[in-house]
N, C-alpha and C. Protein backbone atom coordinates (compact mmCIF):
# COMPACT_ATOMS: atom_id res chain seq x y z
N MET A 1 156.40 97.83 165.89
CA MET A 1 157.10 98.49 165.39
C MET A 1 158.29 99.00 165.43
N HIS A 2 158.67 98.82 167.01
CA HIS A 2 159.96 99.05 167.78
C HIS A 2 160.49 97.68 166.79
N VAL A 3 160.04 96.45 167.40
CA VAL A 3 161.00 94.79 166.90
C VAL A 3 161.54 95.96 165.30
N VAL A 4 160.60 95.99 164.40
CA VAL A 4 160.38 96.20 163.01
C VAL A 4 162.22 97.26 162.30
N HIS A 5 162.12 98.51 163.88
CA HIS A 5 163.04 98.91 163.65
C HIS A 5 164.18 98.96 163.97
N ASN A 6 164.79 97.73 165.20
CA ASN A 6 165.67 96.99 165.79
C ASN A 6 166.12 95.90 164.36
N ILE A 7 165.77 95.53 163.58
CA ILE A 7 166.17 94.70 162.88
C ILE A 7 166.66 95.58 162.17
N MET A 8 165.32 96.65 161.45
CA MET A 8 165.99 97.45 160.07
C MET A 8 167.69 98.00 160.54
N THR A 9 168.34 98.50 161.57
CA THR A 9 169.31 98.83 162.38
C THR A 9 169.99 97.90 162.81
N ASN A 10 170.02 96.58 162.36
CA ASN A 10 170.90 95.92 162.48
C ASN A 10 171.70 95.20 160.91
N GLY A 11 171.57 95.94 159.79
CA GLY A 11 172.24 95.50 159.19
C GLY A 11 171.70 94.18 158.34
N LEU A 12 170.36 94.32 158.11
CA LEU A 12 169.75 93.17 156.95
C LEU A 12 170.29 93.32 155.49
N LYS A 13 169.73 91.71 154.83
CA LYS A 13 170.06 92.66 153.43
C LYS A 13 168.79 92.75 152.81
N ASP A 14 169.03 93.07 151.51
CA ASP A 14 167.62 93.64 150.96
C ASP A 14 166.84 93.33 150.98
N SER A 15 166.52 91.80 150.94
CA SER A 15 164.85 90.80 151.01
C SER A 15 164.71 91.31 152.11
N SER A 16 165.86 90.76 153.07
CA SER A 16 164.96 90.93 154.61
C SER A 16 164.32 92.37 154.56
N ARG A 17 165.16 93.01 154.61
CA ARG A 17 164.28 94.85 154.30
C ARG A 17 162.79 94.70 154.00
N GLU A 18 163.29 94.38 152.60
CA GLU A 18 161.55 94.27 151.86
C GLU A 18 160.14 93.31 152.65
N ILE A 19 161.02 92.64 153.31
CA ILE A 19 159.41 91.28 154.57
C ILE A 19 159.52 92.48 155.68
N ALA A 20 160.16 93.65 156.07
CA ALA A 20 160.34 93.99 157.18
C ALA A 20 159.20 95.17 157.00
N ASN A 21 159.17 95.45 156.33
CA ASN A 21 158.53 96.85 155.77
C ASN A 21 157.20 96.43 155.11
N SER A 22 157.56 95.42 154.31
CA SER A 22 155.65 94.76 154.12
C SER A 22 155.43 94.64 155.67
N ILE A 23 155.74 94.14 156.62
CA ILE A 23 154.62 93.96 157.47
C ILE A 23 155.46 94.72 158.11
N ALA A 24 155.20 95.76 158.87
CA ALA A 24 155.28 96.93 158.73
C ALA A 24 153.96 98.06 158.25
N SER A 25 154.42 97.58 156.78
CA SER A 25 152.68 98.31 156.22
C SER A 25 151.58 97.64 156.30
N ILE A 26 151.68 96.24 156.76
CA ILE A 26 150.74 95.47 156.51
C ILE A 26 149.94 95.95 157.94
N ASP A 27 150.42 96.40 158.96
CA ASP A 27 150.13 96.49 160.33
C ASP A 27 149.80 97.74 160.42
N ILE A 28 149.74 99.08 159.45
CA ILE A 28 150.13 100.25 159.53
C ILE A 28 148.61 100.23 159.27
N LYS A 29 148.24 99.49 157.70
CA LYS A 29 146.74 99.79 157.04
C LYS A 29 145.94 99.20 157.99
N SER A 30 146.19 98.15 158.54
CA SER A 30 145.24 97.61 159.80
C SER A 30 144.28 97.76 160.62
N ASN A 31 145.22 98.71 161.62
CA ASN A 31 145.61 99.15 162.51
C ASN A 31 144.92 100.59 161.74
N ALA A 32 145.04 101.13 160.48
CA ALA A 32 144.18 102.31 160.12
C ALA A 32 143.27 101.68 159.63
N TYR A 33 142.11 100.58 159.46
CA TYR A 33 140.83 99.65 158.70
C TYR A 33 140.46 99.53 160.23
N ASN A 34 140.93 99.48 161.16
CA ASN A 34 139.94 99.68 162.48
C ASN A 34 139.53 100.98 163.08
N LEU A 35 140.87 101.69 162.84
CA LEU A 35 140.39 103.17 163.29
C LEU A 35 138.99 104.22 162.26
N VAL A 36 139.30 103.29 160.82
CA VAL A 36 138.28 104.17 159.95
C VAL A 36 137.54 103.18 160.62
N LEU A 37 136.62 102.45 160.27
CA LEU A 37 135.38 102.02 160.23
C LEU A 37 134.82 101.97 161.66
N GLY A 38 135.77 102.21 162.88
CA GLY A 38 135.59 102.31 164.46
C GLY A 38 134.64 103.84 164.09
N MET A 39 135.23 104.70 163.61
CA MET A 39 135.05 106.25 163.43
C MET A 39 133.68 105.91 162.45
N TYR A 40 133.49 105.13 161.69
CA TYR A 40 131.85 105.00 160.65
C TYR A 40 130.94 104.20 162.34
N ARG A 41 131.34 103.69 163.00
CA ARG A 41 130.82 103.33 163.51
C ARG A 41 130.00 104.15 164.39
N ASP A 42 130.49 104.97 165.08
CA ASP A 42 130.28 105.76 165.91
C ASP A 42 129.46 106.96 165.46
N SER A 43 130.15 107.18 164.12
CA SER A 43 129.36 108.70 163.26
C SER A 43 127.92 108.68 163.37
N LYS A 44 126.88 109.36 163.50
CA LYS A 44 125.46 110.18 162.93
C LYS A 44 125.56 109.75 162.11
N PHE A 45 126.04 109.63 160.78
CA PHE A 45 125.42 109.81 159.48
C PHE A 45 125.67 108.87 158.63
N SER A 46 124.15 108.83 157.65
CA SER A 46 123.92 107.69 157.03
C SER A 46 124.17 107.14 156.16
N ALA A 47 125.26 107.74 155.83
CA ALA A 47 126.50 107.70 154.69
C ALA A 47 127.51 107.35 155.02
N ASP A 48 127.36 106.93 155.77
CA ASP A 48 129.32 106.16 156.55
C ASP A 48 128.49 104.59 157.12
N ALA A 49 127.26 104.40 156.70
CA ALA A 49 127.02 102.88 157.25
C ALA A 49 127.64 102.50 155.30
N THR A 50 127.44 103.32 154.04
CA THR A 50 127.73 103.19 153.03
C THR A 50 129.33 102.84 152.89
N ASN A 51 129.83 103.95 154.04
CA ASN A 51 131.11 103.67 153.03
C ASN A 51 131.90 102.42 154.24
N ALA A 52 131.10 102.81 155.11
CA ALA A 52 131.54 100.94 155.96
C ALA A 52 131.75 100.18 155.07
N SER A 53 131.31 100.17 154.41
CA SER A 53 131.08 98.27 153.59
C SER A 53 131.16 98.67 152.34
N LYS A 54 131.71 99.90 151.82
CA LYS A 54 133.38 99.72 150.86
C LYS A 54 133.86 98.96 151.22
N LEU A 55 133.99 99.80 152.20
CA LEU A 55 135.92 99.36 152.96
C LEU A 55 136.25 98.24 153.68
N LEU A 56 135.19 97.89 154.40
CA LEU A 56 134.96 96.58 154.27
C LEU A 56 135.30 95.55 152.37
N SER A 57 134.94 95.48 151.97
CA SER A 57 134.50 95.32 150.73
C SER A 57 136.07 95.09 150.04
N LYS A 58 136.78 96.26 150.47
CA LYS A 58 137.97 96.18 149.71
C LYS A 58 138.90 94.77 150.69
N ALA A 59 138.39 94.58 152.23
CA ALA A 59 138.96 93.85 152.95
C ALA A 59 139.06 92.71 152.01
N ILE A 60 137.85 92.50 152.09
CA ILE A 60 137.50 91.42 151.10
C ILE A 60 137.93 90.58 150.18
N ASP A 61 137.73 91.82 149.50
CA ASP A 61 138.13 91.14 147.82
C ASP A 61 139.84 91.44 148.11
N SER A 62 140.58 91.33 148.79
CA SER A 62 141.96 91.79 149.15
C SER A 62 142.41 89.62 149.45
N GLY A 63 141.27 89.56 150.11
CA GLY A 63 141.80 88.49 150.53
C GLY A 63 141.80 87.25 149.53
N LYS A 64 141.06 88.03 148.74
CA LYS A 64 140.98 86.95 147.43
C LYS A 64 142.05 86.48 146.41
N LYS A 65 142.82 87.34 146.42
CA LYS A 65 144.10 88.06 145.53
C LYS A 65 145.11 87.25 146.21
N GLU A 66 146.20 87.14 145.64
CA GLU A 66 147.96 86.92 145.75
C GLU A 66 148.00 88.07 146.90
N VAL A 67 148.84 87.26 147.48
CA VAL A 67 149.83 88.22 148.76
C VAL A 67 150.28 89.35 147.47
N LYS A 68 150.98 89.23 146.23
CA LYS A 68 151.83 90.18 145.57
C LYS A 68 150.64 91.07 145.54
N GLU A 69 149.56 90.52 145.37
CA GLU A 69 148.35 91.30 144.26
C GLU A 69 147.27 92.72 145.19
N ARG A 70 147.61 92.74 146.10
CA ARG A 70 146.93 92.97 147.45
C ARG A 70 146.49 94.71 148.31
N ASN A 71 148.30 94.73 147.58
CA ASN A 71 148.62 96.04 146.86
C ASN A 71 148.85 97.00 148.42
N GLY A 72 148.53 95.68 149.50
CA GLY A 72 148.81 96.66 151.21
C GLY A 72 147.62 96.60 152.06
N ILE A 73 146.78 96.51 151.10
CA ILE A 73 145.37 96.19 151.43
C ILE A 73 145.28 94.57 152.85
N PRO A 74 144.89 95.26 153.99
CA PRO A 74 144.82 93.70 154.87
C PRO A 74 143.23 92.74 154.77
N LEU A 75 143.48 92.45 155.17
CA LEU A 75 143.13 90.75 155.03
C LEU A 75 141.47 91.13 155.88
N PRO A 76 140.41 90.78 155.71
CA PRO A 76 139.39 91.25 157.07
C PRO A 76 139.29 90.39 158.17
N THR A 77 139.34 91.06 158.71
CA THR A 77 139.08 90.57 160.12
C THR A 77 137.63 90.80 161.30
N HIS A 78 137.48 89.85 162.24
CA HIS A 78 136.43 89.59 163.14
C HIS A 78 136.27 91.31 163.91
N GLN A 79 136.96 92.14 163.40
CA GLN A 79 136.61 93.16 163.95
C GLN A 79 136.56 94.49 162.78
N LEU A 80 136.62 94.04 162.17
CA LEU A 80 136.21 95.05 160.69
C LEU A 80 134.93 95.19 160.39
N LEU A 81 134.30 93.56 160.70
CA LEU A 81 132.91 93.25 160.44
C LEU A 81 132.38 93.75 161.78
N GLU A 82 132.76 93.01 162.88
CA GLU A 82 132.17 93.89 163.84
C GLU A 82 132.19 95.16 163.36
N TYR A 83 132.52 95.96 163.39
CA TYR A 83 132.65 97.83 163.30
C TYR A 83 131.63 97.82 162.24
N THR A 84 131.74 96.85 160.94
CA THR A 84 130.45 97.76 160.04
C THR A 84 129.50 97.21 160.00
N ILE A 85 129.22 95.84 160.70
CA ILE A 85 127.92 96.19 161.37
C ILE A 85 127.27 96.36 161.69
N LEU A 86 128.01 97.12 162.83
CA LEU A 86 127.40 98.41 164.05
C LEU A 86 126.84 99.14 163.01
N SER A 87 127.84 99.45 161.95
CA SER A 87 127.93 101.42 161.34
C SER A 87 126.17 101.26 160.33
N LEU A 88 125.95 99.88 159.87
CA LEU A 88 124.71 99.27 159.57
C LEU A 88 123.40 100.40 160.49
N SER A 89 123.31 100.71 161.95
CA SER A 89 122.01 100.87 162.18
C SER A 89 121.75 102.01 161.63
N LYS A 90 122.36 103.19 161.50
CA LYS A 90 122.55 103.61 160.86
C LYS A 90 121.50 103.59 159.22
N MET A 91 121.51 103.38 158.93
CA MET A 91 120.50 102.68 157.19
C MET A 91 119.36 103.54 157.51
N PRO A 92 119.21 104.51 156.47
CA PRO A 92 117.60 104.68 156.39
C PRO A 92 117.10 103.31 156.95
N ASP A 93 117.17 102.52 155.34
CA ASP A 93 116.28 100.95 155.54
C ASP A 93 116.41 100.05 157.00
N GLY A 94 116.05 100.09 157.65
CA GLY A 94 116.35 98.77 158.55
C GLY A 94 116.93 97.46 159.05
N ASP A 95 115.95 96.58 157.41
CA ASP A 95 114.99 95.80 157.11
C ASP A 95 116.64 95.41 156.33
N ALA A 96 116.84 96.65 154.92
CA ALA A 96 118.62 96.55 154.83
C ALA A 96 119.61 96.22 155.25
N ALA A 97 119.05 96.83 156.35
CA ALA A 97 121.02 97.00 157.23
C ALA A 97 120.87 95.69 158.25
N ILE A 98 120.00 95.17 158.04
CA ILE A 98 119.97 93.79 158.97
C ILE A 98 119.93 92.15 158.10
N LYS A 99 119.56 92.37 156.69
CA LYS A 99 120.11 91.72 155.41
C LYS A 99 121.54 92.17 155.00
N GLU A 100 121.96 93.20 154.82
CA GLU A 100 122.85 93.46 154.93
C GLU A 100 124.65 92.29 155.78
N ALA A 101 124.31 92.57 157.24
CA ALA A 101 124.66 92.39 158.79
C ALA A 101 124.66 90.89 158.27
N GLU A 102 123.21 90.67 158.21
CA GLU A 102 123.40 88.57 157.97
C GLU A 102 124.53 88.54 156.57
N ARG A 103 124.81 88.98 156.18
CA ARG A 103 125.10 88.61 155.15
C ARG A 103 126.88 88.38 155.42
N LEU A 104 126.98 89.47 155.90
CA LEU A 104 128.26 89.50 156.61
C LEU A 104 128.72 88.31 157.54
N THR A 105 127.51 87.60 158.66
CA THR A 105 127.88 86.76 159.10
C THR A 105 128.09 85.41 158.17
N THR A 106 127.74 85.44 157.83
CA THR A 106 127.14 84.30 156.57
C THR A 106 128.94 84.28 155.61
N PHE A 107 129.16 84.95 155.31
CA PHE A 107 131.22 85.28 155.13
C PHE A 107 131.82 84.78 155.84
N ILE A 108 132.26 85.14 157.40
CA ILE A 108 132.73 84.48 159.07
C ILE A 108 132.35 83.03 158.31
N GLU A 109 131.21 82.29 158.73
CA GLU A 109 130.87 81.17 158.54
C GLU A 109 131.43 80.41 157.02
N GLU A 110 132.01 80.91 155.95
CA GLU A 110 132.30 80.08 155.11
C GLU A 110 133.69 80.24 154.59
N THR A 111 134.51 81.39 155.61
CA THR A 111 135.62 81.42 155.31
C THR A 111 136.92 81.00 157.04
N ASP A 112 137.00 80.26 155.72
CA ASP A 112 137.86 79.26 156.48
C ASP A 112 139.41 80.52 157.67
N ASN A 113 140.28 81.42 156.63
CA ASN A 113 141.29 81.71 157.28
C ASN A 113 141.03 83.28 158.13
N LEU A 114 139.56 83.26 158.31
CA LEU A 114 139.22 84.17 159.27
C LEU A 114 139.73 84.54 160.53
N ASP A 115 139.88 85.10 161.16
CA ASP A 115 140.37 85.57 163.06
C ASP A 115 139.08 85.45 164.06
N ASN A 116 137.61 84.18 163.61
CA ASN A 116 136.52 84.37 164.02
C ASN A 116 136.19 84.75 165.07
N SER A 117 135.56 85.48 165.78
CA SER A 117 135.03 85.93 166.77
C SER A 117 133.01 86.43 167.28
N ILE A 118 132.87 85.43 168.38
CA ILE A 118 131.42 86.09 168.74
C ILE A 118 131.25 87.22 168.84
N THR A 119 132.33 87.87 168.74
CA THR A 119 132.12 89.53 169.12
C THR A 119 130.75 89.44 166.86
N VAL A 120 131.15 88.99 166.36
CA VAL A 120 130.44 89.36 165.16
C VAL A 120 129.06 89.09 165.81
N TYR A 121 128.43 88.37 165.89
CA TYR A 121 127.27 87.83 166.35
C TYR A 121 126.23 88.37 167.67
N ASN A 122 127.42 89.00 168.15
CA ASN A 122 126.85 89.56 168.86
C ASN A 122 126.92 91.84 168.52
N ALA A 123 127.55 91.62 167.64
CA ALA A 123 127.15 93.43 166.59
C ALA A 123 126.22 93.09 165.94
N LEU A 124 125.10 91.81 166.04
CA LEU A 124 124.22 91.69 164.66
C LEU A 124 122.97 91.15 165.83
N LEU A 125 123.24 90.78 166.93
CA LEU A 125 122.38 90.87 168.11
C LEU A 125 122.48 92.51 168.38
N SER A 126 123.08 93.30 168.63
CA SER A 126 123.15 94.81 168.82
C SER A 126 122.01 95.57 167.26
N LEU A 127 122.88 95.43 166.66
CA LEU A 127 121.79 95.76 165.28
C LEU A 127 120.75 95.38 165.56
N CYS A 128 120.69 94.78 165.33
CA CYS A 128 118.58 94.11 165.47
C CYS A 128 117.66 93.96 166.50
N THR A 129 118.32 94.41 167.92
CA THR A 129 117.72 95.23 169.19
C THR A 129 117.34 96.95 168.79
N LYS A 130 118.80 97.48 167.78
CA LYS A 130 117.78 98.98 167.70
C LYS A 130 117.60 98.74 166.98
N VAL A 131 117.30 97.87 165.49
CA VAL A 131 116.64 98.23 164.83
C VAL A 131 114.97 98.17 164.67
N LEU A 132 115.33 96.69 165.35
CA LEU A 132 114.05 96.26 165.62
C LEU A 132 112.89 96.53 167.16
N TYR A 133 113.43 97.34 167.50
CA TYR A 133 113.21 97.57 168.85
C TYR A 133 112.08 97.52 169.30
N GLY A 134 110.83 97.53 169.67
CA GLY A 134 109.46 97.84 170.20
C GLY A 134 109.14 97.25 169.01
N LYS A 135 109.48 95.70 168.23
CA LYS A 135 108.60 95.39 166.98
C LYS A 135 108.45 93.22 167.66
N GLN A 136 107.67 92.97 167.31
CA GLN A 136 106.92 91.60 167.87
C GLN A 136 108.69 91.34 167.27
N GLU A 137 108.87 91.14 165.95
CA GLU A 137 109.50 90.34 164.96
C GLU A 137 111.10 90.17 166.27
N LEU A 138 111.45 90.79 167.01
CA LEU A 138 112.85 90.93 167.39
C LEU A 138 113.18 89.88 168.26
N TYR A 139 112.35 88.90 168.96
CA TYR A 139 112.69 88.03 169.60
C TYR A 139 112.12 86.82 169.37
N ASP A 140 111.88 86.38 167.97
CA ASP A 140 112.09 85.55 167.54
C ASP A 140 113.62 85.68 166.65
N LYS A 141 113.92 87.47 166.31
CA LYS A 141 114.94 87.30 164.57
C LYS A 141 116.08 86.87 166.01
N ALA A 142 116.36 86.99 167.20
CA ALA A 142 117.13 86.80 168.53
C ALA A 142 117.41 85.42 168.47
N LEU A 143 116.38 84.57 169.28
CA LEU A 143 116.51 83.55 169.32
C LEU A 143 117.03 82.32 167.69
N SER A 144 116.66 83.43 166.86
CA SER A 144 116.92 82.48 165.28
C SER A 144 119.03 83.13 165.41
N ILE A 145 119.19 84.02 165.93
CA ILE A 145 120.93 84.16 165.94
C ILE A 145 121.98 83.64 166.92
N LEU A 146 121.11 83.02 168.10
CA LEU A 146 121.52 82.80 168.76
C LEU A 146 122.03 80.91 167.88
N ALA A 147 120.53 80.57 168.14
CA ALA A 147 121.08 78.83 167.47
C ALA A 147 122.36 78.99 166.28
N LYS A 148 121.90 79.90 165.71
CA LYS A 148 122.43 80.28 163.94
C LYS A 148 124.41 79.91 164.74
N SER A 149 124.22 81.03 166.28
CA SER A 149 125.73 80.71 166.35
C SER A 149 126.06 80.08 167.60
N LYS A 150 125.10 79.02 168.20
CA LYS A 150 125.23 77.64 168.40
C LYS A 150 125.48 76.52 167.29
N GLU A 151 124.76 76.52 166.47
CA GLU A 151 125.29 75.74 165.42
C GLU A 151 125.81 75.95 164.95
N THR A 152 127.01 77.13 164.86
CA THR A 152 128.45 77.20 163.74
C THR A 152 129.32 77.09 164.63
N SER A 153 128.87 77.01 165.68
CA SER A 153 130.50 77.03 166.91
C SER A 153 130.45 75.25 167.04
N ASN A 154 129.56 74.63 166.34
CA ASN A 154 129.82 72.96 165.99
C ASN A 154 131.43 72.78 165.38
N THR A 155 131.46 73.55 163.98
CA THR A 155 132.79 73.95 162.63
C THR A 155 133.94 74.54 163.54
N HIS A 156 132.76 76.13 164.42
CA HIS A 156 134.31 78.07 164.72
C HIS A 156 133.76 77.54 166.05
N LEU A 157 134.81 77.57 166.74
CA LEU A 157 134.52 77.13 168.50
C LEU A 157 134.34 79.09 169.38
N GLU A 158 135.29 79.00 167.89
CA GLU A 158 134.99 81.02 168.34
C GLU A 158 133.87 81.55 168.09
N LEU A 159 132.53 80.86 167.93
CA LEU A 159 130.95 81.60 167.62
C LEU A 159 130.66 81.26 168.04
N LYS A 160 131.61 80.30 169.54
CA LYS A 160 130.47 79.67 170.92
C LYS A 160 129.92 81.53 171.41
N PRO A 161 128.03 81.64 170.96
CA PRO A 161 127.28 82.55 172.48
C PRO A 161 128.73 82.42 173.70
N ASN A 162 129.17 83.96 174.13
CA ASN A 162 129.32 84.32 175.22
C ASN A 162 128.59 84.93 176.17
N ALA A 163 129.45 85.97 177.44
CA ALA A 163 128.08 86.05 178.42
C ALA A 163 127.50 87.59 177.76
N GLU A 164 128.41 88.00 176.57
CA GLU A 164 127.42 88.87 175.97
C GLU A 164 126.54 88.68 175.45
N THR A 165 126.59 87.77 174.84
CA THR A 165 125.40 87.17 174.06
C THR A 165 124.41 86.77 175.26
N MET A 166 124.72 86.25 175.77
CA MET A 166 123.63 85.98 176.52
C MET A 166 122.50 87.41 177.29
N SER A 167 123.68 88.15 177.36
CA SER A 167 122.89 89.34 178.70
C SER A 167 122.25 90.14 177.14
N LEU A 168 122.64 90.44 175.50
CA LEU A 168 121.92 90.45 174.63
C LEU A 168 120.68 89.83 174.45
N ILE A 169 120.20 88.22 174.82
CA ILE A 169 119.34 87.89 174.76
C ILE A 169 118.36 88.08 176.04
N ILE A 170 118.67 88.50 177.18
CA ILE A 170 118.15 88.96 178.25
C ILE A 170 117.08 90.09 178.20
N LYS A 171 118.18 90.56 177.75
CA LYS A 171 117.90 92.59 176.96
C LYS A 171 116.73 91.92 176.07
N VAL A 172 117.04 91.63 175.78
CA VAL A 172 115.59 90.68 174.25
C VAL A 172 114.31 90.82 174.98
N CYS A 173 114.31 89.70 175.66
CA CYS A 173 113.23 89.32 176.50
C CYS A 173 112.79 90.64 177.02
N ALA A 174 113.62 90.83 178.54
CA ALA A 174 113.17 92.22 178.94
C ALA A 174 112.63 93.88 178.45
N HIS A 175 112.80 93.18 177.08
CA HIS A 175 111.92 94.88 176.51
C HIS A 175 110.79 93.81 174.97
N SER A 176 110.30 92.42 175.31
CA SER A 176 109.57 92.06 174.50
C SER A 176 108.16 92.47 173.97
N LYS A 177 107.58 92.47 172.47
CA LYS A 177 106.45 93.40 173.13
C LYS A 177 105.37 92.18 172.74
N ARG A 178 106.16 90.45 172.94
CA ARG A 178 105.05 89.46 172.06
C ARG A 178 103.86 89.50 172.88
N LYS A 179 102.59 88.86 172.92
CA LYS A 179 101.89 88.21 174.31
C LYS A 179 101.76 87.20 175.02
N ASP A 180 103.08 86.68 174.57
CA ASP A 180 103.07 85.03 174.85
C ASP A 180 103.85 85.21 176.13
N HIS A 181 103.72 86.36 176.84
CA HIS A 181 104.46 86.34 178.52
C HIS A 181 105.31 85.35 178.92
N GLU A 182 104.54 83.86 178.70
CA GLU A 182 104.85 83.03 180.11
C GLU A 182 105.95 82.49 179.06
N ALA A 183 106.25 82.55 178.02
CA ALA A 183 107.15 81.71 177.25
C ALA A 183 108.55 82.82 177.12
N VAL A 184 108.02 84.20 176.31
CA VAL A 184 109.37 84.43 176.63
C VAL A 184 110.39 84.89 178.25
N LEU A 185 109.03 84.35 179.36
CA LEU A 185 109.46 84.65 180.82
C LEU A 185 110.93 83.55 180.45
N GLY A 186 110.05 82.13 180.46
CA GLY A 186 110.43 80.91 180.46
C GLY A 186 111.66 81.17 179.51
N THR A 187 111.98 81.04 178.30
CA THR A 187 113.34 81.80 177.59
C THR A 187 113.85 83.23 178.40
N ALA A 188 113.67 83.46 179.21
CA ALA A 188 114.46 84.32 180.36
C ALA A 188 115.08 83.53 180.87
N ALA A 189 115.14 82.89 181.53
CA ALA A 189 115.13 81.96 182.92
C ALA A 189 116.57 81.74 182.27
N LYS A 190 115.70 80.76 180.63
CA LYS A 190 116.14 79.61 180.36
C LYS A 190 117.95 80.59 180.15
N ILE A 191 118.21 81.23 179.43
CA ILE A 191 119.12 81.65 179.04
C ILE A 191 119.87 82.59 180.50
N PHE A 192 119.70 82.97 181.14
CA PHE A 192 119.92 83.15 182.55
C PHE A 192 120.65 82.23 183.33
N SER A 193 120.06 81.01 183.46
CA SER A 193 121.03 79.77 183.89
C SER A 193 122.02 79.49 182.77
N GLU A 194 122.29 79.68 181.85
CA GLU A 194 122.93 79.39 181.17
C GLU A 194 124.46 80.79 180.67
N LEU A 195 123.67 81.90 181.54
CA LEU A 195 124.82 82.49 181.21
C LEU A 195 125.51 83.01 183.03
N THR A 196 124.75 81.44 183.91
CA THR A 196 125.77 81.75 185.76
C THR A 196 126.34 80.27 185.45
N VAL A 197 126.23 79.83 184.44
CA VAL A 197 127.10 78.68 183.92
C VAL A 197 128.28 79.14 182.68
N LEU A 198 127.76 80.04 183.09
CA LEU A 198 129.46 80.42 181.48
C LEU A 198 129.83 81.06 182.73
N THR A 199 129.70 82.70 183.69
CA THR A 199 130.33 82.73 184.94
C THR A 199 130.71 82.44 185.79
N SER A 200 130.71 81.18 185.91
CA SER A 200 130.93 81.02 187.22
C SER A 200 132.57 80.19 186.79
N VAL A 201 132.74 80.36 185.57
CA VAL A 201 133.54 79.15 184.55
C VAL A 201 134.55 79.17 185.24
């Protein structure tokens, strides 16, 4: 913002001023979206899960329009997706929350101009851990998310599982209610080895 101010005070032409003002406006609105969605993420009210989804939808719709038609609404970012997914944990219907979160992760896989990040998959893992805690299906769900992120990272390197991803999977194994304990323990050991390699680089 200081850069924009300095440029403006040096006496640019009107067209340059319009560009500078547009950049400043987009920057402000992007930060505002991050802040509001961050508040919805931290909120304890179930209605804010819906509010977060609606706000993100505006950003997604904005990305489908020409720049002049966006009315200053920022493009969707991985942070907006992450905050929205985490906010869904407050939905009364846990299955619906996971379904919506999975739809949003599909969006990042199909969108080339999005600043992708593994934090979106990590948010999905966190959501599933919270919603499915104590249920047998959590283990299989977590492993399917891990497999999907590995597969998608072949074309989107930013979606490659990181140390946080591996830690979340190990946490799922630790709290698993499945009866095949040896298989779960084997998975935990394998993931721990991968985590060791990641953190030693």
